[in-house]
Protein backbone atom coordinates (compact mmCIF):
# COMPACT_ATOMS: atom_id res chain seq x y z
CA UNK A 1 6.83 -24.34 25.22
CA UNK A 2 8.68 -21.67 25.87
CA UNK A 3 7.11 -19.06 23.08
CA UNK A 4 6.08 -16.05 24.22
CA UNK A 5 2.09 -15.73 23.96
CA UNK A 6 0.45 -12.45 22.52
CA UNK A 7 -1.49 -10.64 25.35
CA UNK A 8 -5.38 -11.44 24.90
CA UNK A 9 -7.74 -8.52 25.28
CA UNK A 10 -10.71 -8.50 26.96
CA UNK A 11 -13.67 -6.05 27.33
CA UNK A 12 -14.48 -3.98 29.52
CA UNK A 13 -16.63 -4.60 32.11
CA UNK A 14 -20.25 -4.83 30.83
CA UNK A 15 -22.90 -3.09 32.92
CA UNK A 16 -25.90 -5.57 32.89
CA UNK A 17 -28.93 -3.45 32.35
CA UNK A 18 -32.38 -5.65 32.16
CA UNK A 19 -34.26 -5.37 28.46
CA UNK A 20 -37.11 -2.37 28.24
CA UNK A 21 -40.22 -2.06 26.02
CA UNK A 22 -39.90 0.82 24.56
CA UNK A 23 -42.93 3.38 25.67
CA UNK A 24 -43.21 5.74 22.87
CA UNK A 25 -42.22 6.18 19.75
CA UNK A 26 -38.75 6.83 18.62
CA UNK A 27 -37.29 6.01 22.04
CA UNK A 28 -35.46 3.13 20.45
CA UNK A 29 -34.69 1.15 16.80
CA UNK A 30 -33.52 -1.75 15.81
CA UNK A 31 -31.26 -1.97 12.24
CA UNK A 32 -30.11 -4.04 9.84
CA UNK A 33 -29.03 -5.62 6.28
CA UNK A 34 -31.99 -7.85 4.16
CA UNK A 35 -30.63 -9.37 0.99
CA UNK A 36 -32.99 -11.34 -1.14
CA UNK A 37 -32.36 -12.74 -4.02
CA UNK A 38 -35.15 -13.80 -7.39
CA UNK A 39 -35.35 -17.31 -8.76
CA UNK A 40 -34.15 -14.51 -11.88
CA UNK A 41 -31.03 -14.38 -11.09
CA UNK A 42 -31.91 -10.45 -9.39
CA UNK A 43 -31.13 -9.26 -6.24
CA UNK A 44 -31.14 -6.41 -3.93
CA UNK A 45 -30.16 -5.66 -0.73
CA UNK A 46 -32.06 -3.25 1.52
CA UNK A 47 -31.11 -1.62 5.33
CA UNK A 48 -34.16 -1.87 7.48
CA UNK A 49 -33.86 0.62 9.98
CA UNK A 50 -37.36 -0.20 12.98
CA UNK A 51 -38.83 1.78 15.34
CA UNK A 52 -38.98 -0.49 18.23
CA UNK A 53 -42.82 0.88 19.99
CA UNK A 54 -43.71 0.20 16.47
CA UNK A 55 -43.45 -2.84 16.31
CA UNK A 56 -44.77 -4.00 19.66
CA UNK A 57 -48.64 -2.32 18.46
CA UNK A 58 -49.19 -3.82 15.32
CA UNK A 59 -47.66 -7.97 16.20
CA UNK A 60 -50.08 -9.84 13.72
CA UNK A 61 -50.85 -13.10 13.98
CA UNK A 62 -52.67 -15.33 11.06
CA UNK A 63 -53.61 -19.04 10.47
CA UNK A 64 -51.93 -19.17 7.06
CA UNK A 65 -48.84 -18.69 7.32
CA UNK A 66 -46.10 -20.61 8.09
CA UNK A 67 -43.83 -19.76 11.06
CA UNK A 68 -44.91 -16.53 12.31
CA UNK A 69 -43.45 -13.95 14.24
CA UNK A 70 -40.99 -13.94 17.04
CA UNK A 71 -41.37 -10.69 20.00
CA UNK A 72 -38.25 -10.59 22.23
CA UNK A 73 -37.41 -8.60 25.54
CA UNK A 74 -36.57 -5.52 23.59
CA UNK A 75 -39.88 -5.61 21.25
CA UNK A 76 -38.27 -6.33 17.93
CA UNK A 77 -39.33 -8.79 15.27
CA UNK A 78 -37.98 -11.42 13.45
CA UNK A 79 -40.24 -13.14 12.00
CA UNK A 80 -39.91 -15.56 8.52
CA UNK A 81 -43.35 -16.65 7.19
CA UNK A 82 -43.95 -19.20 3.69
CA UNK A 83 -46.79 -18.56 2.83
CA UNK A 84 -48.42 -22.04 2.68
CA UNK A 85 -50.60 -23.10 -0.40
CA UNK A 86 -47.91 -21.28 -3.14
CA UNK A 87 -44.68 -20.76 -3.82
CA UNK A 88 -43.88 -18.95 -7.14
CA UNK A 89 -41.30 -16.58 -8.20
CA UNK A 90 -40.83 -13.74 -6.01
CA UNK A 91 -41.79 -10.35 -6.48
CA UNK A 92 -41.56 -7.02 -5.20
CA UNK A 93 -44.09 -5.61 -2.87
CA UNK A 94 -44.58 -1.91 -1.77
CA UNK A 95 -45.56 -1.13 1.72
CA UNK A 96 -46.01 2.66 2.92
CA UNK A 97 -44.36 4.30 6.20
CA UNK A 98 -44.86 7.05 8.51
CA UNK A 99 -41.39 8.42 7.04
CA UNK A 100 -43.08 7.83 3.27
CA UNK A 101 -40.18 5.56 2.13
CA UNK A 102 -41.54 2.22 0.34
CA UNK A 103 -40.42 -0.40 2.45
CA UNK A 104 -40.36 -3.82 -0.22
CA UNK A 105 -41.56 -7.25 0.68
CA UNK A 106 -40.60 -10.53 -1.05
CA UNK A 107 -42.56 -12.65 -3.49
CA UNK A 108 -42.67 -15.95 -1.93
CA UNK A 109 -41.43 -14.23 2.08
CA UNK A 110 -42.90 -11.24 3.28
CA UNK A 111 -43.23 -9.52 6.16
CA UNK A 112 -46.62 -10.50 7.94
CA UNK A 113 -47.92 -7.16 7.08
CA UNK A 114 -49.45 -8.43 3.57
CA UNK A 115 -50.73 -11.31 6.27
CA UNK A 116 -54.68 -12.55 5.80
CA UNK A 117 -56.79 -14.64 7.93
CA UNK A 118 -58.02 -17.56 7.14
CA UNK A 119 -61.02 -15.77 4.80
CA UNK A 120 -58.87 -13.78 3.55
CA UNK A 121 -59.23 -10.65 4.68
CA UNK A 122 -56.26 -8.14 5.33
CA UNK A 123 -55.30 -7.66 9.29
CA UNK A 124 -51.98 -5.76 10.43
CA UNK A 125 -51.94 -3.41 7.26
CA UNK A 126 -50.09 -0.63 9.82
CA UNK A 127 -47.49 -3.27 10.49
CA UNK A 128 -43.43 -2.03 10.76
CA UNK A 129 -44.96 2.02 10.23
CA UNK A 130 -42.16 3.09 10.58
CA UNK A 131 -39.37 0.64 8.86
CA UNK A 132 -37.40 2.44 6.19
CA UNK A 133 -35.69 0.70 3.54
CA UNK A 134 -31.49 2.52 2.54
CA UNK A 135 -30.69 0.71 -1.18
CA UNK A 136 -27.51 -0.14 -1.14
CA UNK A 137 -27.57 -2.79 -3.65
CA UNK A 138 -30.54 -3.61 -6.81
CA UNK A 139 -31.58 -5.32 -9.63
CA UNK A 140 -34.76 -4.93 -10.31
CA UNK A 141 -36.67 -7.61 -11.93
CA UNK A 142 -38.42 -7.95 -14.99
CA UNK A 143 -41.37 -5.93 -16.13
CA UNK A 144 -43.58 -8.55 -16.72
CA UNK A 145 -43.47 -9.46 -12.89
CA UNK A 146 -46.55 -6.75 -13.61
CA UNK A 147 -48.67 -8.99 -14.24
CA UNK A 148 -47.87 -11.72 -12.07
CA UNK A 149 -49.30 -9.35 -8.61
CA UNK A 150 -50.38 -11.26 -6.11
CA UNK A 151 -54.55 -10.53 -5.73
CA UNK A 152 -55.41 -10.05 -1.67
CA UNK A 153 -59.31 -9.73 -2.05
CA UNK A 154 -61.27 -9.04 1.03
CA UNK A 155 -64.41 -11.33 1.78
CA UNK A 156 -66.69 -9.26 -0.61
CA UNK A 157 -64.11 -10.07 -3.74
CA UNK A 158 -63.47 -6.29 -4.43
CA UNK A 159 -60.61 -4.81 -2.44
CA UNK A 160 -57.45 -6.31 -2.20
CA UNK A 161 -53.58 -5.44 -1.70
CA UNK A 162 -51.29 -3.59 -1.54
CA UNK A 163 -53.03 -0.43 -2.08
CA UNK A 164 -53.14 0.53 -5.35
CA UNK A 165 -48.88 0.24 -5.99
CA UNK A 166 -48.32 -2.45 -8.95
CA UNK A 167 -45.44 -5.44 -7.44
CA UNK A 168 -42.84 -4.14 -9.15
CA UNK A 169 -41.77 -0.26 -7.92
CA UNK A 170 -38.85 1.67 -8.10
CA UNK A 171 -37.55 2.07 -4.14
CA UNK A 172 -37.36 5.63 -4.12
CA UNK A 173 -40.48 8.09 -5.92
CA UNK A 174 -40.79 11.58 -6.19
CA UNK A 175 -42.62 13.12 -3.88
CA UNK A 176 -45.37 15.04 -5.12
CA UNK A 177 -47.66 17.26 -3.37
CA UNK A 178 -50.31 18.30 -5.33
CA UNK A 179 -51.13 19.08 -9.65
CA UNK A 180 -49.72 22.60 -10.39
CA UNK A 181 -50.86 23.68 -14.53
CA UNK A 182 -51.25 22.50 -17.42
CA UNK A 183 -50.06 24.17 -21.09
CA UNK A 184 -51.74 23.19 -23.88
CA UNK A 185 -51.44 24.41 -27.62
CA UNK A 186 -54.40 25.57 -29.97
CA UNK A 187 -55.46 26.78 -33.11
CA UNK A 188 -57.13 29.56 -32.29
CA UNK A 189 -55.97 31.42 -29.14
CA UNK A 190 -58.71 33.89 -29.48
CA UNK A 191 -61.10 31.79 -28.91
CA UNK A 192 -59.02 29.21 -26.20
CA UNK A 193 -59.04 32.35 -24.84
CA UNK A 194 -62.23 33.97 -24.72
CA UNK A 195 -63.72 30.44 -23.70
CA UNK A 196 -61.94 30.45 -20.42
CA UNK A 197 -62.24 33.40 -19.43
CA UNK A 198 -66.50 32.46 -19.42
CA UNK A 199 -65.89 29.37 -18.06
CA UNK A 200 -64.46 31.24 -14.99
CA UNK A 201 -60.64 31.53 -14.99
CA UNK A 202 -59.04 34.67 -14.75
CA UNK A 203 -56.16 35.77 -16.68
CA UNK A 204 -53.01 37.30 -15.21
CA UNK A 205 -50.12 37.48 -17.50
CA UNK A 206 -49.71 37.00 -21.26
CA UNK A 207 -45.81 36.58 -22.14
CA UNK A 208 -44.16 34.87 -25.50
CA UNK A 209 -47.41 34.07 -26.93
CA UNK A 210 -48.38 32.14 -24.30
CA UNK A 211 -51.70 33.19 -21.84
CA UNK A 212 -51.72 32.87 -18.36
CA UNK A 213 -54.83 31.73 -16.31
CA UNK A 214 -54.79 31.04 -12.46
CA UNK A 215 -57.87 30.01 -10.72
CA UNK A 216 -59.14 32.21 -6.72
CA UNK A 217 -56.90 29.77 -5.21
CA UNK A 218 -53.41 30.32 -4.21
CA UNK A 219 -51.79 29.03 -6.95
CA UNK A 220 -50.29 31.93 -9.13
CA UNK A 221 -52.06 30.09 -12.83
CA UNK A 222 -53.19 27.12 -13.00
CA UNK A 223 -53.76 27.16 -17.16
CA UNK A 224 -50.78 28.03 -20.22
CA UNK A 225 -52.97 28.25 -22.86
CA UNK A 226 -50.47 28.95 -26.55
CA UNK A 227 -50.50 28.91 -30.43
CA UNK A 228 -50.05 25.38 -31.72
CA UNK A 229 -50.67 23.98 -35.84
CA UNK A 230 -53.36 21.43 -33.50
CA UNK A 231 -55.23 21.22 -30.69
CA UNK A 232 -53.05 19.25 -28.16
CA UNK A 233 -51.55 18.79 -24.48
CA UNK A 234 -47.88 20.61 -24.64
CA UNK A 235 -46.65 19.49 -20.45
CA UNK A 236 -48.30 18.61 -17.33
CA UNK A 237 -46.89 20.42 -13.97
CA UNK A 238 -47.09 18.70 -10.57
CA UNK A 239 -45.59 20.83 -7.30
CA UNK A 240 -42.81 18.75 -5.75
CA UNK A 241 -42.74 18.88 -2.02
CA UNK A 242 -39.53 20.31 -1.12
CA UNK A 243 -36.53 21.87 -4.21
CA UNK A 244 -34.74 18.38 -3.57
CA UNK A 245 -37.02 16.42 -5.15
CA UNK A 246 -36.00 18.30 -8.32
CA UNK A 247 -32.93 16.50 -8.68
CA UNK A 248 -33.95 13.83 -7.15
CA UNK A 249 -36.04 13.85 -10.25
CA UNK A 250 -32.91 14.37 -12.46
CA UNK A 251 -30.45 11.87 -10.70
CA UNK A 252 -32.48 8.75 -10.86
CA UNK A 253 -35.17 9.99 -13.43
CA UNK A 254 -33.26 11.94 -16.07
CA UNK A 255 -34.59 14.63 -15.95
CA UNK A 256 -33.58 17.62 -17.64
CA UNK A 257 -31.23 19.97 -15.83
CA UNK A 258 -32.90 22.32 -13.69
CA UNK A 259 -34.23 25.64 -14.83
CA UNK A 260 -35.99 29.05 -14.65
CA UNK A 261 -39.37 29.08 -15.08
CA UNK A 262 -40.44 33.00 -16.50
CA UNK A 263 -43.93 32.59 -15.43
CA UNK A 264 -46.07 34.32 -12.99
CA UNK A 265 -44.41 33.02 -9.45
CA UNK A 266 -41.15 32.59 -11.00
CA UNK A 267 -39.35 29.91 -9.35
CA UNK A 268 -37.65 26.36 -10.77
CA UNK A 269 -38.33 22.85 -12.50
CA UNK A 270 -37.56 20.27 -14.52
CA UNK A 271 -39.32 18.00 -17.46
CA UNK A 272 -39.60 13.84 -17.91
CA UNK A 273 -41.25 12.39 -20.18
CA UNK A 274 -44.01 9.61 -19.83
CA UNK A 275 -44.20 6.88 -22.08
CA UNK A 276 -46.56 8.31 -25.17
CA UNK A 277 -44.47 11.31 -25.20
CA UNK A 278 -46.63 13.87 -22.75
CA UNK A 279 -44.08 16.36 -21.47
CA UNK A 280 -44.59 15.62 -17.68
CA UNK A 281 -42.96 18.65 -15.22
CA UNK A 282 -42.32 18.64 -11.45
CA UNK A 283 -42.03 22.48 -9.85
CA UNK A 284 -41.02 24.42 -7.46
CA UNK A 285 -40.91 27.81 -5.70
CA UNK A 286 -43.61 29.58 -7.84
CA UNK A 287 -44.76 31.82 -5.39
CA UNK A 288 -48.23 31.83 -4.56
CA UNK A 289 -50.24 34.62 -4.17
CA UNK A 290 -53.55 35.31 -1.51
CA UNK A 291 -57.07 33.01 -1.78
CA UNK A 292 -59.58 35.14 -3.23
CA UNK A 293 -62.22 34.90 0.32
CA UNK A 294 -64.20 31.99 -0.14
CA UNK A 295 -68.78 32.73 -1.02
CA UNK A 296 -70.59 32.33 1.83
CA UNK A 297 -72.03 28.46 2.20
CA UNK A 298 -75.54 28.09 1.02
CA UNK A 299 -78.03 27.04 3.63
CA UNK A 300 -79.81 23.84 3.72
CA UNK A 301 -83.24 23.06 4.79
CA UNK A 302 -83.22 19.18 4.71
CA UNK A 303 -86.47 18.03 7.41
CA UNK A 304 -83.85 17.00 9.80
CA UNK A 305 -81.64 19.80 9.45
CA UNK A 306 -83.16 23.36 9.57
CA UNK A 307 -80.79 25.88 8.34
CA UNK A 308 -83.01 29.50 7.45
CA UNK A 309 -85.67 30.99 8.98
CA UNK A 310 -87.38 34.03 8.03
CA UNK A 311 -85.23 33.88 5.24
CA UNK A 312 -85.14 33.46 1.21
CA UNK A 313 -82.35 30.77 0.36
CA UNK A 314 -78.77 33.32 -1.03
CA UNK A 315 -78.20 32.31 -4.75
CA UNK A 316 -75.05 31.96 -6.80
CA UNK A 317 -74.80 36.07 -9.14
CA UNK A 318 -75.37 34.81 -12.54
CA UNK A 319 -72.09 34.14 -14.40
CA UNK A 320 -68.97 31.95 -14.11
CA UNK A 321 -67.76 29.80 -11.56
CA UNK A 322 -64.82 31.12 -9.94
CA UNK A 323 -63.10 27.76 -10.01
CA UNK A 324 -60.03 27.07 -7.22
CA UNK A 325 -57.61 25.24 -8.11
CA UNK A 326 -56.38 22.48 -11.05
CA UNK A 327 -57.47 19.21 -9.48
CA UNK A 328 -57.19 16.80 -12.06
CA UNK A 329 -56.38 15.60 -15.70
CA UNK A 330 -57.91 12.71 -17.61
CA UNK A 331 -55.54 11.03 -19.86
CA UNK A 332 -55.58 8.72 -22.88
CA UNK A 333 -53.21 6.02 -22.83
CA UNK A 334 -51.53 3.69 -25.27
CA UNK A 335 -50.13 1.41 -23.67
CA UNK A 336 -52.20 0.96 -19.70
CA UNK A 337 -49.76 -1.61 -18.24
CA UNK A 338 -46.66 0.40 -19.46
CA UNK A 339 -48.88 3.81 -18.31
CA UNK A 340 -50.16 2.63 -15.04
CA UNK A 341 -46.53 1.31 -14.19
CA UNK A 342 -44.50 4.22 -15.02
CA UNK A 343 -46.64 6.88 -13.27
CA UNK A 344 -46.75 4.64 -9.84
CA UNK A 345 -42.66 4.08 -10.11
CA UNK A 346 -42.09 7.72 -10.97
CA UNK A 347 -44.44 9.80 -9.73
CA UNK A 348 -45.89 7.48 -6.79
CA UNK A 349 -49.28 7.87 -8.15
CA UNK A 350 -51.85 5.09 -6.28
CA UNK A 351 -54.44 3.69 -8.06
CA UNK A 352 -58.14 3.95 -6.31
CA UNK A 353 -60.46 3.00 -8.82
CA UNK A 354 -59.70 0.47 -12.57
CA UNK A 355 -62.08 -1.24 -14.71
CA UNK A 356 -60.96 -4.09 -16.41
CA UNK A 357 -62.41 -5.84 -20.31
CA UNK A 358 -63.83 -9.80 -19.85
CA UNK A 359 -60.99 -10.49 -17.63
CA UNK A 360 -58.90 -8.85 -14.59
CA UNK A 361 -55.21 -7.47 -14.60
CA UNK A 362 -57.16 -6.27 -18.28
CA UNK A 363 -57.20 -2.69 -17.41
CA UNK A 364 -58.98 -0.37 -20.06
CA UNK A 365 -59.22 2.71 -17.51
CA UNK A 366 -58.83 3.33 -13.94
CA UNK A 367 -58.13 6.88 -11.70
CA UNK A 368 -54.91 7.53 -9.08
CA UNK A 369 -54.20 9.42 -6.35
CA UNK A 370 -51.65 11.01 -5.13
CA UNK A 371 -49.27 9.83 -2.34
CA UNK A 372 -49.60 12.11 0.93
CA UNK A 373 -49.16 9.03 3.55
CA UNK A 374 -52.06 9.73 6.05
CA UNK A 375 -52.43 12.22 5.17
CA UNK A 376 -56.40 13.13 2.69
CA UNK A 377 -56.45 14.08 -1.35
CA UNK A 378 -58.52 14.29 -3.81
CA UNK A 379 -59.70 10.40 -4.83
CA UNK A 380 -57.96 10.66 -8.59
CA UNK A 381 -54.94 13.17 -9.38
CA UNK A 382 -54.76 11.67 -12.79
CA UNK A 383 -57.41 8.67 -15.23
CA UNK A 384 -56.44 6.99 -17.45
CA UNK A 385 -58.78 5.87 -20.43
CA UNK A 386 -57.03 2.98 -22.09
CA UNK A 387 -58.82 3.59 -25.70
CA UNK A 388 -58.17 5.73 -28.85
CA UNK A 389 -54.56 8.01 -30.00
CA UNK A 390 -52.55 9.51 -26.71
CA UNK A 391 -53.63 12.32 -25.67
CA UNK A 392 -55.49 14.80 -23.51
CA UNK A 393 -59.08 13.87 -22.40
CA UNK A 394 -59.97 16.17 -20.07
CA UNK A 395 -58.57 18.94 -17.10
CA UNK A 396 -60.95 19.50 -14.05
CA UNK A 397 -61.39 22.51 -11.55
CA UNK A 398 -62.56 22.42 -7.80
CA UNK A 399 -65.51 24.69 -7.38
CA UNK A 400 -66.80 25.78 -4.13
CA UNK A 401 -70.65 23.62 -4.41
CA UNK A 402 -73.37 22.34 -7.26
CA UNK A 403 -75.50 25.50 -7.23
CA UNK A 404 -71.83 27.21 -8.68
CA UNK A 405 -71.98 24.59 -11.32
CA UNK A 406 -75.64 24.68 -12.70
CA UNK A 407 -75.67 28.45 -12.46
CA UNK A 408 -72.56 28.39 -14.21
CA UNK A 409 -73.94 25.40 -16.63
CA UNK A 410 -76.85 28.36 -17.61
CA UNK A 411 -74.02 30.46 -18.09
CA UNK A 412 -72.20 28.54 -20.32
CA UNK A 413 -75.74 27.74 -22.83
CA UNK A 414 -76.34 31.27 -22.65
CA UNK A 415 -72.95 31.90 -24.68
CA UNK A 416 -73.91 28.72 -27.50
CA UNK A 417 -70.99 26.66 -25.79
CA UNK A 418 -70.86 22.87 -26.53
CA UNK A 419 -71.96 20.76 -23.78
CA UNK A 420 -69.75 17.14 -23.54
CA UNK A 421 -71.91 15.95 -20.19
CA UNK A 422 -73.53 17.54 -17.11
CA UNK A 423 -74.50 18.67 -14.40
CA UNK A 424 -73.91 15.16 -13.16
CA UNK A 425 -72.26 12.35 -10.38
CA UNK A 426 -69.46 10.29 -11.43
CA UNK A 427 -70.43 6.54 -9.21
CA UNK A 428 -66.31 6.78 -8.88
CA UNK A 429 -65.06 9.50 -6.88
CA UNK A 430 -68.81 10.59 -6.26
CA UNK A 431 -67.25 13.46 -8.07
CA UNK A 432 -70.74 16.27 -8.95
CA UNK A 433 -69.01 17.33 -12.61
CA UNK A 434 -70.13 19.75 -15.34
CA UNK A 435 -67.79 19.27 -19.06
CA UNK A 436 -68.16 21.53 -21.67
CA UNK A 437 -65.25 21.55 -24.89
CA UNK A 438 -63.89 24.98 -26.58
CA UNK A 439 -64.25 26.08 -29.81
CA UNK A 440 -61.18 23.83 -30.67
CA UNK A 441 -61.94 20.81 -28.83
CA UNK A 442 -60.63 20.97 -25.11
CA UNK A 443 -63.03 19.69 -22.78
CA UNK A 444 -63.18 21.63 -19.82
CA UNK A 445 -64.48 20.68 -16.70
CA UNK A 446 -65.84 22.05 -12.97
CA UNK A 447 -66.02 19.39 -10.13
CA UNK A 448 -67.04 19.54 -6.15
CA UNK A 449 -67.54 17.31 -3.42
CA UNK A 450 -65.24 14.51 -4.56
CA UNK A 451 -64.31 10.99 -2.25
CA UNK A 452 -61.39 11.78 0.02
CA UNK A 453 -58.90 9.03 0.30
CA UNK A 454 -55.20 8.67 1.93
CA UNK A 455 -52.80 6.31 1.36
CA UNK A 456 -54.21 2.84 3.34
CA UNK A 457 -57.08 3.40 1.39
CA UNK A 458 -57.44 -0.38 -0.96
CA UNK A 459 -58.10 0.09 -4.56
CA UNK A 460 -61.62 -1.27 -5.76
CA UNK A 461 -62.19 -3.10 -8.98
CA UNK A 462 -64.78 -3.77 -11.49
CA UNK A 463 -65.27 -4.68 -14.58
CA UNK A 464 -65.85 -2.24 -17.68
CA UNK A 465 -69.49 -3.66 -18.37
CA UNK A 466 -70.98 -2.77 -15.49
CA UNK A 467 -69.08 0.78 -14.98
CA UNK A 468 -71.51 4.23 -16.22
CA UNK A 469 -70.64 7.14 -16.84
CA UNK A 470 -73.30 9.61 -14.18
CA UNK A 471 -75.55 8.54 -12.18
CA UNK A 472 -78.15 10.94 -12.38
CA UNK A 473 -78.37 9.61 -16.32
CA UNK A 474 -79.30 7.11 -18.05
CA UNK A 475 -77.03 7.98 -21.08
CA UNK A 476 -74.89 5.78 -22.89
CA UNK A 477 -70.92 6.31 -21.27
CA UNK A 478 -70.03 6.44 -25.21
CA UNK A 479 -71.25 9.69 -24.88
CA UNK A 480 -68.92 10.99 -22.19
CA UNK A 481 -65.80 9.96 -24.98
CA UNK A 482 -67.52 11.86 -28.15
């Protein structure tokens, strides 16, 4: 046939080069889309970008997974793993990474970062730490998936993976730095103001019937009180990592529009509402103050470490404690699973310890920390208690040490205030605590010497019947909630 034929296009000659293994981070990346369809009909799609160097470092091997991991010449990873002994509807799993974006794993087909050895111990927990997942399309599974979270038990049967994160979670969570302040309403503002001062807080401003108190730390204020018909929590404020977090809260979670703050230090805020109706403010840009200097650390003599020679112990001055910052709050919640899911999905909180009643997963109490990746944070920033009417149980300020707490305890005793408990040491979190009630019924607490965890620490679950409130006391737990 003499029909004209289109000239064949040829690609330019390729210079052949050997594939080189990445020798350091950020030297080579792989990327591609992954789509997952659920039995329920839902589906999601992610764009995965993987640092080749980190993939090479954390290649796992596990005999109880079918399939496995194939390492290519360029140090990338392919995997197709199906657990032998269990096939069931897929659920979300979350693995944290250096870029602090959640990486999703599927319930039936999973990347092996959550694989287990034959004994059940987690391996390669750091695998694919550089993974980034950017949602392009998603239809979330029902909230009921929360009850289907797989329990990855260690040989002792206590620790579980993933570390405290509910199985069902939102892809983007608000990045928070710390708890900043709380605001309460009280029937008698004068008695509350006097107690807060005797407790050790410092009044810093008054505006529109609001009284602002600060600590000896850098925050412009940590406690705000205003008159109200009854004692109640009005709002809790978390400090955002950046100004963009406020916009994310509005766009992704339906927060109120960004507004300026008129308290000391200025700044901006948005507001969310948790499942029990508590107002959760996300704040940024509040100007900090110069923190007061710390007191000299006490010199403690022990049999194997003598620090004082030819001198007496220097005791703290009599008087109130010197709070340094607002550390955590305790909340009564109406529906434990719903509150846990909301705070994890929205604020990215991770469970440190939980207590169940009767059967595992029937949680009635727990302690949740901020997710700051590899950075170590307090054992908890929020505690949940699934009993009674929703509301505030207590709020706690860090002080420099136990002796300051003992001296402050004596000071409040002299003022005839009502102690709730203390001085004691909690078994969960390990911190020393001292709790008091103000005349309006609010529980103020100081704490010191708390445990510090990062995002890698697994959650610890225990039967509430085996729990205790204070390792130094035989008193009943009920006293703590009276």
